[in-house]
Amino acid sequence: MSLNGVIVIDKPSGWTSHDVVARMRNILGERSIGHLGTLDPMATGVLPLVIGKMTRLCQFYEHSQKSYEGTIRFGFATDTYDAEGDPTGPPQEVKVTVEEMRAVAEGFVGKIKQVPPPFSAKKIKGVPAYKLARKKVDVELKPVEVEVKEFTILGFECDVAGFRSEVSSGTYVRSLAHELGQKLGCGAHLASLRRTAVAEFLLKQ
């Protein structure tokens, strides 16, 4: 008997979205399984899986809103824009206040042009950017229009800021962290990320 439905997974850190799909295929014995929105391996949180005939829902969630909570470490940027990458320069002293951070973060809210990270799945002539980046090939990624509905700095302590955000599909939160560090002049990268919602699918489910 075929299975049809939606299961909301709280993805653990270290797993790719594909890893979760593969594990669920083994558990359920069902080949027709997809997901609504890729999460980076480092990230945790909401990953809705669609099963059987429900895979047709994917087309309706391509542009869905997503909500996140996480932390940003200031003082140096990385080549992947997150904690798994290598520093792109020496550590810098962080001389900014939480009020300054909040003011700059507020400037990202609205429709903005965002350049995807070099280590991303964006394809350049059919090749994912991260494959070219690993080979040290210079990649030129074009800005993409995205919408940031919320980017709130919740607090700041020991060079780490907590934040909450709500963004359109296709937005890279890693890029928000990286660009925030650039604008504040001290470098920054995404230290942790937890997705709390994909459209109507919530973490509590």
N, C-alpha and C. Protein backbone atom coordinates (compact mmCIF):
# COMPACT_ATOMS: atom_id res chain seq x y z
N MET A 1 0.85 -1.19 0.00
CA MET A 1 0.00 0.00 0.00
C MET A 1 0.89 1.24 0.00
N SER A 2 0.60 2.19 -0.88
CA SER A 2 1.41 3.40 -0.96
C SER A 2 1.05 4.36 0.17
N LEU A 3 2.05 5.14 0.60
CA LEU A 3 1.85 6.12 1.66
C LEU A 3 1.76 7.51 1.07
N ASN A 4 0.88 8.33 1.60
CA ASN A 4 0.72 9.71 1.16
C ASN A 4 0.60 10.61 2.39
N GLY A 5 1.38 11.69 2.43
CA GLY A 5 1.28 12.59 3.56
C GLY A 5 2.44 13.54 3.67
N VAL A 6 2.46 14.29 4.77
CA VAL A 6 3.53 15.24 5.06
C VAL A 6 4.04 14.95 6.47
N ILE A 7 5.36 14.84 6.62
CA ILE A 7 5.99 14.66 7.94
C ILE A 7 6.97 15.81 8.15
N VAL A 8 6.82 16.51 9.27
CA VAL A 8 7.72 17.62 9.58
C VAL A 8 8.86 17.08 10.44
N ILE A 9 10.07 17.11 9.89
CA ILE A 9 11.26 16.61 10.57
C ILE A 9 12.02 17.77 11.22
N ASP A 10 12.55 17.53 12.42
CA ASP A 10 13.48 18.47 13.04
C ASP A 10 14.88 17.99 12.67
N LYS A 11 15.41 18.52 11.58
CA LYS A 11 16.68 18.03 11.04
C LYS A 11 17.84 18.27 12.00
N PRO A 12 18.62 17.23 12.28
CA PRO A 12 19.80 17.41 13.14
C PRO A 12 20.97 18.03 12.38
N SER A 13 21.89 18.64 13.10
CA SER A 13 23.09 19.21 12.50
C SER A 13 23.96 18.08 11.95
N GLY A 14 24.63 18.36 10.85
CA GLY A 14 25.53 17.38 10.25
C GLY A 14 24.88 16.55 9.16
N TRP A 15 23.57 16.59 9.06
CA TRP A 15 22.84 15.85 8.02
C TRP A 15 22.50 16.79 6.87
N THR A 16 22.63 16.31 5.65
CA THR A 16 22.10 17.06 4.52
C THR A 16 20.60 16.77 4.43
N SER A 17 19.89 17.61 3.70
CA SER A 17 18.46 17.36 3.48
C SER A 17 18.27 16.04 2.74
N HIS A 18 19.20 15.74 1.83
CA HIS A 18 19.13 14.47 1.09
C HIS A 18 19.33 13.27 2.02
N ASP A 19 20.20 13.42 3.02
CA ASP A 19 20.40 12.34 4.01
C ASP A 19 19.09 12.00 4.71
N VAL A 20 18.33 13.04 5.08
CA VAL A 20 17.06 12.84 5.77
C VAL A 20 16.07 12.11 4.87
N VAL A 21 16.00 12.54 3.61
CA VAL A 21 15.10 11.89 2.65
C VAL A 21 15.48 10.42 2.47
N ALA A 22 16.77 10.15 2.33
CA ALA A 22 17.24 8.77 2.14
C ALA A 22 16.90 7.89 3.33
N ARG A 23 17.10 8.43 4.56
CA ARG A 23 16.77 7.66 5.76
C ARG A 23 15.27 7.37 5.82
N MET A 24 14.44 8.36 5.49
CA MET A 24 12.99 8.16 5.54
C MET A 24 12.53 7.15 4.48
N ARG A 25 13.20 7.14 3.33
CA ARG A 25 12.86 6.14 2.30
C ARG A 25 13.10 4.74 2.83
N ASN A 26 14.19 4.56 3.56
CA ASN A 26 14.50 3.25 4.14
C ASN A 26 13.50 2.87 5.23
N ILE A 27 13.13 3.83 6.07
CA ILE A 27 12.21 3.56 7.17
C ILE A 27 10.82 3.20 6.66
N LEU A 28 10.33 3.95 5.69
CA LEU A 28 8.96 3.77 5.21
C LEU A 28 8.84 2.78 4.05
N GLY A 29 9.99 2.48 3.40
CA GLY A 29 9.93 1.63 2.22
C GLY A 29 9.20 2.29 1.08
N GLU A 30 9.32 3.62 1.02
CA GLU A 30 8.63 4.42 -0.01
C GLU A 30 9.67 5.23 -0.77
N ARG A 31 9.69 5.09 -2.10
CA ARG A 31 10.69 5.81 -2.90
C ARG A 31 10.30 7.25 -3.16
N SER A 32 9.00 7.50 -3.27
CA SER A 32 8.52 8.83 -3.66
C SER A 32 8.45 9.75 -2.44
N ILE A 33 9.60 10.36 -2.12
CA ILE A 33 9.69 11.30 -1.00
C ILE A 33 10.51 12.51 -1.43
N GLY A 34 10.02 13.69 -1.12
CA GLY A 34 10.75 14.92 -1.41
C GLY A 34 10.73 15.82 -0.17
N HIS A 35 11.34 17.01 -0.28
CA HIS A 35 11.32 17.94 0.85
C HIS A 35 10.99 19.34 0.36
N LEU A 36 10.53 20.17 1.29
CA LEU A 36 10.13 21.54 0.96
C LEU A 36 11.17 22.53 1.46
N GLY A 37 12.27 22.65 0.73
CA GLY A 37 13.28 23.64 1.10
C GLY A 37 14.52 23.08 1.74
N THR A 38 15.63 23.12 1.02
CA THR A 38 16.91 22.58 1.50
C THR A 38 17.43 23.34 2.72
N LEU A 39 17.99 22.59 3.66
CA LEU A 39 18.71 23.16 4.79
C LEU A 39 20.18 22.78 4.67
N ASP A 40 21.09 23.73 4.95
CA ASP A 40 22.52 23.41 4.97
C ASP A 40 22.79 22.34 6.02
N PRO A 41 23.83 21.52 5.85
CA PRO A 41 24.14 20.48 6.83
C PRO A 41 24.30 21.02 8.25
N MET A 42 24.91 22.20 8.40
CA MET A 42 25.13 22.77 9.72
C MET A 42 23.83 23.14 10.42
N ALA A 43 22.82 23.51 9.65
CA ALA A 43 21.56 24.02 10.21
C ALA A 43 20.69 22.90 10.75
N THR A 44 19.81 23.26 11.70
CA THR A 44 18.84 22.33 12.25
C THR A 44 17.44 22.90 12.03
N GLY A 45 16.43 22.09 12.37
CA GLY A 45 15.08 22.61 12.36
C GLY A 45 14.16 22.07 11.30
N VAL A 46 13.13 22.84 11.00
CA VAL A 46 11.99 22.39 10.19
C VAL A 46 12.39 21.98 8.77
N LEU A 47 12.13 20.71 8.46
CA LEU A 47 12.30 20.17 7.12
C LEU A 47 11.07 19.32 6.80
N PRO A 48 10.05 19.90 6.15
CA PRO A 48 8.86 19.12 5.81
C PRO A 48 9.16 18.13 4.69
N LEU A 49 8.82 16.87 4.91
CA LEU A 49 8.96 15.84 3.89
C LEU A 49 7.58 15.54 3.31
N VAL A 50 7.51 15.46 1.99
CA VAL A 50 6.25 15.13 1.31
C VAL A 50 6.38 13.72 0.74
N ILE A 51 5.36 12.92 0.95
CA ILE A 51 5.43 11.49 0.67
C ILE A 51 4.34 11.06 -0.30
N GLY A 52 4.73 10.21 -1.26
CA GLY A 52 3.76 9.66 -2.20
C GLY A 52 3.14 10.75 -3.07
N LYS A 53 1.82 10.74 -3.15
CA LYS A 53 1.12 11.71 -4.00
C LYS A 53 1.29 13.15 -3.51
N MET A 54 1.68 13.31 -2.26
CA MET A 54 1.87 14.65 -1.71
C MET A 54 3.11 15.36 -2.26
N THR A 55 3.96 14.62 -3.00
CA THR A 55 5.13 15.27 -3.59
C THR A 55 4.71 16.36 -4.58
N ARG A 56 3.48 16.29 -5.06
CA ARG A 56 3.00 17.33 -5.98
C ARG A 56 2.89 18.69 -5.27
N LEU A 57 2.93 18.70 -3.93
CA LEU A 57 2.89 19.95 -3.19
C LEU A 57 4.14 20.80 -3.40
N CYS A 58 5.24 20.15 -3.79
CA CYS A 58 6.52 20.87 -3.94
C CYS A 58 6.38 22.13 -4.79
N GLN A 59 5.64 22.02 -5.88
CA GLN A 59 5.52 23.16 -6.80
C GLN A 59 4.84 24.36 -6.15
N PHE A 60 4.01 24.10 -5.12
CA PHE A 60 3.29 25.20 -4.47
C PHE A 60 4.09 25.85 -3.35
N TYR A 61 5.22 25.26 -2.98
CA TYR A 61 6.01 25.78 -1.87
C TYR A 61 7.37 26.31 -2.33
N GLU A 62 7.56 26.47 -3.63
CA GLU A 62 8.84 26.95 -4.15
C GLU A 62 9.15 28.37 -3.66
N HIS A 63 8.11 29.16 -3.40
CA HIS A 63 8.33 30.56 -3.01
C HIS A 63 7.80 30.85 -1.60
N SER A 64 7.77 29.84 -0.76
CA SER A 64 7.21 30.01 0.58
C SER A 64 8.17 30.76 1.51
N GLN A 65 7.58 31.45 2.50
CA GLN A 65 8.37 32.16 3.50
C GLN A 65 9.00 31.16 4.48
N LYS A 66 10.17 31.54 5.01
CA LYS A 66 10.86 30.69 5.98
C LYS A 66 11.32 31.55 7.16
N SER A 67 11.23 30.98 8.36
CA SER A 67 11.64 31.70 9.57
C SER A 67 12.81 30.99 10.24
N TYR A 68 13.71 31.79 10.82
CA TYR A 68 14.93 31.24 11.42
C TYR A 68 15.26 31.94 12.74
N GLU A 69 16.02 31.22 13.55
CA GLU A 69 16.71 31.81 14.70
C GLU A 69 18.15 31.32 14.64
N GLY A 70 19.08 32.13 15.15
CA GLY A 70 20.46 31.68 15.09
C GLY A 70 21.41 32.66 15.75
N THR A 71 22.70 32.44 15.52
CA THR A 71 23.72 33.31 16.08
C THR A 71 24.73 33.69 15.01
N ILE A 72 25.28 34.88 15.15
CA ILE A 72 26.31 35.40 14.24
C ILE A 72 27.54 35.74 15.07
N ARG A 73 28.70 35.22 14.65
CA ARG A 73 29.95 35.55 15.34
C ARG A 73 30.67 36.66 14.58
N PHE A 74 31.03 37.70 15.30
CA PHE A 74 31.72 38.83 14.70
C PHE A 74 33.22 38.74 14.99
N GLY A 75 34.02 39.39 14.15
CA GLY A 75 35.46 39.40 14.34
C GLY A 75 36.24 38.83 13.17
N PHE A 76 35.61 37.95 12.38
CA PHE A 76 36.24 37.46 11.16
C PHE A 76 35.19 36.81 10.26
N ALA A 77 35.41 36.95 8.96
CA ALA A 77 34.56 36.31 7.96
C ALA A 77 35.18 34.97 7.58
N THR A 78 34.37 34.09 6.96
CA THR A 78 34.88 32.80 6.46
C THR A 78 34.52 32.65 4.98
N ASP A 79 35.21 31.72 4.31
CA ASP A 79 34.98 31.57 2.87
C ASP A 79 33.62 30.95 2.55
N THR A 80 33.01 30.27 3.53
CA THR A 80 31.68 29.69 3.32
C THR A 80 30.58 30.56 3.93
N TYR A 81 30.96 31.62 4.60
CA TYR A 81 30.06 32.55 5.30
C TYR A 81 29.46 31.92 6.56
N ASP A 82 29.94 30.72 6.96
CA ASP A 82 29.44 30.10 8.19
C ASP A 82 30.59 29.49 8.98
N ALA A 83 30.27 28.83 10.09
CA ALA A 83 31.28 28.33 11.02
C ALA A 83 32.08 27.16 10.46
N GLU A 84 31.62 26.56 9.37
CA GLU A 84 32.32 25.40 8.80
C GLU A 84 33.42 25.81 7.84
N GLY A 85 33.53 27.09 7.53
CA GLY A 85 34.53 27.55 6.57
C GLY A 85 35.83 27.98 7.21
N ASP A 86 36.79 28.35 6.38
CA ASP A 86 38.09 28.85 6.84
C ASP A 86 38.06 30.37 6.91
N PRO A 87 38.71 30.96 7.93
CA PRO A 87 38.77 32.43 8.03
C PRO A 87 39.42 33.03 6.78
N THR A 88 38.89 34.16 6.34
CA THR A 88 39.44 34.82 5.16
C THR A 88 40.45 35.90 5.52
N GLY A 89 40.71 36.06 6.81
CA GLY A 89 41.68 37.05 7.26
C GLY A 89 41.91 36.91 8.75
N PRO A 90 42.82 37.70 9.30
CA PRO A 90 43.10 37.63 10.74
C PRO A 90 41.92 38.17 11.55
N PRO A 91 41.81 37.75 12.82
CA PRO A 91 40.73 38.26 13.68
C PRO A 91 40.80 39.78 13.84
N GLN A 92 39.63 40.40 13.92
CA GLN A 92 39.56 41.84 14.10
C GLN A 92 38.85 42.16 15.41
N GLU A 93 39.24 43.28 16.00
CA GLU A 93 38.58 43.70 17.23
C GLU A 93 37.16 44.17 16.91
N VAL A 94 36.22 43.75 17.72
CA VAL A 94 34.82 44.12 17.50
C VAL A 94 34.48 45.30 18.39
N LYS A 95 34.27 46.45 17.77
CA LYS A 95 34.00 47.68 18.53
C LYS A 95 32.63 48.24 18.18
N VAL A 96 31.65 47.39 18.08
CA VAL A 96 30.30 47.86 17.75
C VAL A 96 29.35 47.54 18.90
N THR A 97 28.32 48.33 19.00
CA THR A 97 27.32 48.12 20.04
C THR A 97 26.13 47.36 19.45
N VAL A 98 25.30 46.81 20.32
CA VAL A 98 24.12 46.10 19.85
C VAL A 98 23.17 47.06 19.14
N GLU A 99 23.17 48.33 19.57
CA GLU A 99 22.31 49.32 18.91
C GLU A 99 22.78 49.56 17.47
N GLU A 100 24.09 49.62 17.27
CA GLU A 100 24.62 49.80 15.91
C GLU A 100 24.29 48.60 15.04
N MET A 101 24.42 47.40 15.62
CA MET A 101 24.07 46.18 14.88
C MET A 101 22.61 46.20 14.44
N ARG A 102 21.74 46.56 15.37
CA ARG A 102 20.31 46.58 15.06
C ARG A 102 19.99 47.58 13.96
N ALA A 103 20.64 48.72 14.00
CA ALA A 103 20.39 49.75 12.99
C ALA A 103 20.82 49.27 11.60
N VAL A 104 21.99 48.62 11.53
CA VAL A 104 22.48 48.13 10.24
C VAL A 104 21.63 46.95 9.76
N ALA A 105 21.26 46.05 10.68
CA ALA A 105 20.43 44.90 10.31
C ALA A 105 19.09 45.35 9.76
N GLU A 106 18.53 46.42 10.31
CA GLU A 106 17.25 46.93 9.85
C GLU A 106 17.33 47.38 8.38
N GLY A 107 18.54 47.77 7.95
CA GLY A 107 18.73 48.20 6.56
C GLY A 107 18.60 47.07 5.55
N PHE A 108 18.63 45.81 6.03
CA PHE A 108 18.47 44.67 5.12
C PHE A 108 16.99 44.31 4.91
N VAL A 109 16.12 44.86 5.72
CA VAL A 109 14.70 44.50 5.64
C VAL A 109 14.06 45.12 4.40
N GLY A 110 13.30 44.30 3.68
CA GLY A 110 12.67 44.74 2.44
C GLY A 110 13.18 43.90 1.28
N LYS A 111 12.90 44.33 0.07
CA LYS A 111 13.41 43.64 -1.11
C LYS A 111 14.82 44.13 -1.39
N ILE A 112 15.77 43.18 -1.42
CA ILE A 112 17.18 43.53 -1.61
C ILE A 112 17.80 42.65 -2.69
N LYS A 113 18.92 43.10 -3.22
CA LYS A 113 19.72 42.29 -4.14
C LYS A 113 20.79 41.58 -3.31
N GLN A 114 20.79 40.24 -3.37
CA GLN A 114 21.72 39.47 -2.56
C GLN A 114 22.59 38.58 -3.44
N VAL A 115 23.90 38.59 -3.16
CA VAL A 115 24.82 37.70 -3.88
C VAL A 115 24.92 36.39 -3.10
N PRO A 116 24.62 35.24 -3.72
CA PRO A 116 24.72 33.95 -3.03
C PRO A 116 26.16 33.68 -2.59
N PRO A 117 26.36 32.90 -1.53
CA PRO A 117 27.72 32.55 -1.10
C PRO A 117 28.43 31.74 -2.19
N PRO A 118 29.78 31.86 -2.28
CA PRO A 118 30.51 31.06 -3.27
C PRO A 118 30.36 29.57 -3.03
N PHE A 119 30.23 29.17 -1.76
CA PHE A 119 29.98 27.75 -1.45
C PHE A 119 28.47 27.56 -1.33
N SER A 120 27.81 27.47 -2.48
CA SER A 120 26.37 27.26 -2.51
C SER A 120 26.03 26.35 -3.68
N ALA A 121 24.77 25.96 -3.76
CA ALA A 121 24.33 25.05 -4.82
C ALA A 121 23.94 25.80 -6.09
N LYS A 122 24.07 27.13 -6.09
CA LYS A 122 23.77 27.91 -7.29
C LYS A 122 24.66 27.42 -8.43
N LYS A 123 24.06 27.21 -9.60
CA LYS A 123 24.82 26.64 -10.72
C LYS A 123 25.36 27.71 -11.66
N ILE A 124 26.61 27.49 -12.06
CA ILE A 124 27.27 28.35 -13.04
C ILE A 124 27.61 27.48 -14.25
N LYS A 125 26.90 27.72 -15.34
CA LYS A 125 27.03 26.90 -16.56
C LYS A 125 26.84 25.42 -16.22
N GLY A 126 25.86 25.16 -15.38
CA GLY A 126 25.51 23.78 -15.06
C GLY A 126 26.29 23.15 -13.92
N VAL A 127 27.28 23.87 -13.38
CA VAL A 127 28.13 23.32 -12.31
C VAL A 127 27.82 24.05 -11.00
N PRO A 128 27.52 23.33 -9.91
CA PRO A 128 27.27 23.99 -8.63
C PRO A 128 28.46 24.84 -8.20
N ALA A 129 28.17 26.04 -7.68
CA ALA A 129 29.23 26.98 -7.31
C ALA A 129 30.20 26.38 -6.30
N TYR A 130 29.70 25.55 -5.36
CA TYR A 130 30.59 25.01 -4.32
C TYR A 130 31.66 24.09 -4.91
N LYS A 131 31.34 23.41 -6.01
CA LYS A 131 32.34 22.54 -6.65
C LYS A 131 33.46 23.37 -7.26
N LEU A 132 33.11 24.49 -7.85
CA LEU A 132 34.12 25.38 -8.42
C LEU A 132 34.94 26.03 -7.31
N ALA A 133 34.26 26.42 -6.22
CA ALA A 133 34.95 27.08 -5.11
C ALA A 133 35.97 26.15 -4.47
N ARG A 134 35.61 24.85 -4.35
CA ARG A 134 36.55 23.88 -3.77
C ARG A 134 37.80 23.72 -4.62
N LYS A 135 37.66 23.94 -5.92
CA LYS A 135 38.80 23.84 -6.84
C LYS A 135 39.54 25.17 -6.95
N LYS A 136 39.15 26.13 -6.11
CA LYS A 136 39.76 27.47 -6.08
C LYS A 136 39.54 28.21 -7.40
N VAL A 137 38.46 27.89 -8.08
CA VAL A 137 38.10 28.60 -9.31
C VAL A 137 37.31 29.84 -8.93
N ASP A 138 37.71 31.00 -9.44
CA ASP A 138 36.97 32.22 -9.14
C ASP A 138 35.59 32.15 -9.77
N VAL A 139 34.58 32.36 -8.95
CA VAL A 139 33.21 32.31 -9.45
C VAL A 139 32.56 33.68 -9.29
N GLU A 140 31.82 34.07 -10.31
CA GLU A 140 31.11 35.35 -10.26
C GLU A 140 29.62 35.06 -10.21
N LEU A 141 29.07 35.19 -9.03
CA LEU A 141 27.64 34.94 -8.83
C LEU A 141 26.88 36.25 -8.93
N LYS A 142 25.81 36.23 -9.69
CA LYS A 142 25.03 37.45 -9.90
C LYS A 142 24.04 37.66 -8.75
N PRO A 143 23.82 38.92 -8.39
CA PRO A 143 22.85 39.22 -7.33
C PRO A 143 21.45 38.75 -7.72
N VAL A 144 20.71 38.29 -6.72
CA VAL A 144 19.34 37.83 -6.91
C VAL A 144 18.44 38.65 -5.99
N GLU A 145 17.27 39.03 -6.49
CA GLU A 145 16.34 39.79 -5.63
C GLU A 145 15.64 38.85 -4.66
N VAL A 146 15.74 39.15 -3.38
CA VAL A 146 15.07 38.38 -2.33
C VAL A 146 14.35 39.37 -1.42
N GLU A 147 13.53 38.84 -0.54
CA GLU A 147 12.82 39.72 0.40
C GLU A 147 13.08 39.27 1.83
N VAL A 148 13.53 40.23 2.65
CA VAL A 148 13.75 39.99 4.06
C VAL A 148 12.64 40.70 4.82
N LYS A 149 11.75 39.92 5.45
CA LYS A 149 10.63 40.53 6.17
C LYS A 149 11.02 40.90 7.60
N GLU A 150 11.98 40.18 8.15
CA GLU A 150 12.47 40.50 9.49
C GLU A 150 13.93 40.09 9.62
N PHE A 151 14.74 40.94 10.24
CA PHE A 151 16.12 40.61 10.59
C PHE A 151 16.42 41.36 11.88
N THR A 152 16.11 40.72 13.01
CA THR A 152 16.17 41.35 14.31
C THR A 152 17.33 40.81 15.13
N ILE A 153 18.20 41.71 15.60
CA ILE A 153 19.27 41.33 16.52
C ILE A 153 18.68 41.27 17.92
N LEU A 154 18.71 40.10 18.55
CA LEU A 154 18.07 39.88 19.84
C LEU A 154 18.97 40.26 21.01
N GLY A 155 20.27 40.11 20.83
CA GLY A 155 21.22 40.42 21.91
C GLY A 155 22.63 40.23 21.42
N PHE A 156 23.61 40.70 22.20
CA PHE A 156 25.02 40.62 21.80
C PHE A 156 25.89 40.44 23.02
N GLU A 157 26.72 39.38 23.00
CA GLU A 157 27.60 39.09 24.12
C GLU A 157 28.80 38.28 23.64
N CYS A 158 30.00 38.67 24.05
CA CYS A 158 31.25 37.95 23.72
C CYS A 158 31.39 37.75 22.20
N ASP A 159 31.18 38.80 21.43
CA ASP A 159 31.34 38.80 19.97
C ASP A 159 30.29 37.95 19.23
N VAL A 160 29.26 37.49 19.94
CA VAL A 160 28.22 36.67 19.30
C VAL A 160 26.86 37.34 19.49
N ALA A 161 26.13 37.49 18.40
CA ALA A 161 24.80 38.10 18.45
C ALA A 161 23.75 37.05 18.12
N GLY A 162 22.66 37.06 18.87
CA GLY A 162 21.52 36.22 18.54
C GLY A 162 20.58 36.99 17.63
N PHE A 163 19.91 36.29 16.72
CA PHE A 163 19.02 36.99 15.79
C PHE A 163 17.79 36.14 15.47
N ARG A 164 16.79 36.80 14.91
CA ARG A 164 15.59 36.14 14.39
C ARG A 164 15.31 36.75 13.02
N SER A 165 14.92 35.90 12.05
CA SER A 165 14.65 36.43 10.72
C SER A 165 13.51 35.68 10.04
N GLU A 166 12.85 36.38 9.14
CA GLU A 166 11.85 35.78 8.26
C GLU A 166 12.16 36.25 6.85
N VAL A 167 12.33 35.30 5.94
CA VAL A 167 12.83 35.64 4.60
C VAL A 167 12.06 34.88 3.53
N SER A 168 12.18 35.37 2.30
CA SER A 168 11.57 34.69 1.17
C SER A 168 12.42 33.50 0.76
N SER A 169 11.82 32.60 0.01
CA SER A 169 12.56 31.47 -0.53
C SER A 169 13.72 31.97 -1.38
N GLY A 170 14.87 31.29 -1.28
CA GLY A 170 16.04 31.69 -2.07
C GLY A 170 16.97 32.64 -1.35
N THR A 171 16.58 33.09 -0.16
CA THR A 171 17.43 33.97 0.63
C THR A 171 18.46 33.16 1.40
N TYR A 172 19.71 33.61 1.35
CA TYR A 172 20.77 32.94 2.11
C TYR A 172 21.01 33.72 3.41
N VAL A 173 20.67 33.12 4.55
CA VAL A 173 20.90 33.77 5.83
C VAL A 173 22.41 33.91 6.07
N ARG A 174 23.18 32.98 5.52
CA ARG A 174 24.65 33.09 5.60
C ARG A 174 25.13 34.41 5.00
N SER A 175 24.53 34.78 3.88
CA SER A 175 24.92 36.03 3.22
C SER A 175 24.53 37.25 4.05
N LEU A 176 23.38 37.17 4.73
CA LEU A 176 22.98 38.28 5.61
C LEU A 176 24.03 38.47 6.71
N ALA A 177 24.49 37.36 7.31
CA ALA A 177 25.51 37.45 8.36
C ALA A 177 26.81 38.03 7.82
N HIS A 178 27.23 37.54 6.66
CA HIS A 178 28.47 38.00 6.04
C HIS A 178 28.42 39.49 5.72
N GLU A 179 27.32 39.91 5.10
CA GLU A 179 27.20 41.31 4.69
C GLU A 179 27.03 42.24 5.89
N LEU A 180 26.41 41.74 6.96
CA LEU A 180 26.31 42.54 8.18
C LEU A 180 27.69 42.82 8.73
N GLY A 181 28.55 41.80 8.73
CA GLY A 181 29.92 41.98 9.18
C GLY A 181 30.71 42.96 8.32
N GLN A 182 30.46 42.89 7.01
CA GLN A 182 31.12 43.83 6.09
C GLN A 182 30.73 45.27 6.40
N LYS A 183 29.43 45.49 6.56
CA LYS A 183 28.94 46.85 6.79
C LYS A 183 29.41 47.40 8.14
N LEU A 184 29.60 46.53 9.13
CA LEU A 184 30.06 46.97 10.44
C LEU A 184 31.58 47.07 10.51
N GLY A 185 32.26 46.57 9.45
CA GLY A 185 33.70 46.73 9.34
C GLY A 185 34.54 45.81 10.20
N CYS A 186 33.92 44.72 10.71
CA CYS A 186 34.70 43.83 11.58
C CYS A 186 34.64 42.36 11.12
N GLY A 187 33.92 42.09 10.03
CA GLY A 187 33.79 40.72 9.57
C GLY A 187 32.84 39.92 10.45
N ALA A 188 32.14 38.96 9.85
CA ALA A 188 31.21 38.12 10.62
C ALA A 188 30.87 36.89 9.81
N HIS A 189 30.38 35.87 10.50
CA HIS A 189 29.91 34.66 9.82
C HIS A 189 28.79 34.04 10.65
N LEU A 190 27.99 33.22 10.00
CA LEU A 190 26.88 32.54 10.65
C LEU A 190 27.43 31.44 11.55
N ALA A 191 27.14 31.54 12.86
CA ALA A 191 27.68 30.57 13.82
C ALA A 191 26.74 29.39 14.02
N SER A 192 25.43 29.65 14.02
CA SER A 192 24.45 28.58 14.15
C SER A 192 23.14 29.03 13.52
N LEU A 193 22.34 28.05 13.08
CA LEU A 193 21.07 28.38 12.43
C LEU A 193 20.05 27.30 12.71
N ARG A 194 18.85 27.73 13.08
CA ARG A 194 17.74 26.81 13.32
C ARG A 194 16.50 27.34 12.61
N ARG A 195 15.95 26.54 11.70
CA ARG A 195 14.74 26.97 10.99
C ARG A 195 13.52 26.62 11.84
N THR A 196 12.69 27.62 12.08
CA THR A 196 11.53 27.44 12.95
C THR A 196 10.22 27.29 12.19
N ALA A 197 10.21 27.63 10.89
CA ALA A 197 8.98 27.50 10.11
C ALA A 197 9.27 27.51 8.61
N VAL A 198 8.49 26.71 7.88
CA VAL A 198 8.42 26.77 6.41
C VAL A 198 6.94 26.92 6.08
N ALA A 199 6.54 28.13 5.65
CA ALA A 199 5.13 28.42 5.44
C ALA A 199 4.34 28.07 6.70
N GLU A 200 3.33 27.18 6.59
CA GLU A 200 2.50 26.84 7.77
C GLU A 200 3.07 25.72 8.60
N PHE A 201 4.22 25.14 8.16
CA PHE A 201 4.82 24.02 8.91
C PHE A 201 5.77 24.57 9.97
N LEU A 202 5.48 24.24 11.24
CA LEU A 202 6.18 24.85 12.37
C LEU A 202 7.01 23.83 13.14
N LEU A 203 7.97 24.33 13.91
CA LEU A 203 8.86 23.48 14.69
C LEU A 203 8.08 22.64 15.70
N LYS A 204 7.02 23.18 16.28
CA LYS A 204 6.26 22.44 17.29
C LYS A 204 5.53 21.24 16.71
N GLN A 205 5.44 21.17 15.37
CA GLN A 205 4.79 20.02 14.73
C GLN A 205 5.76 18.84 14.54
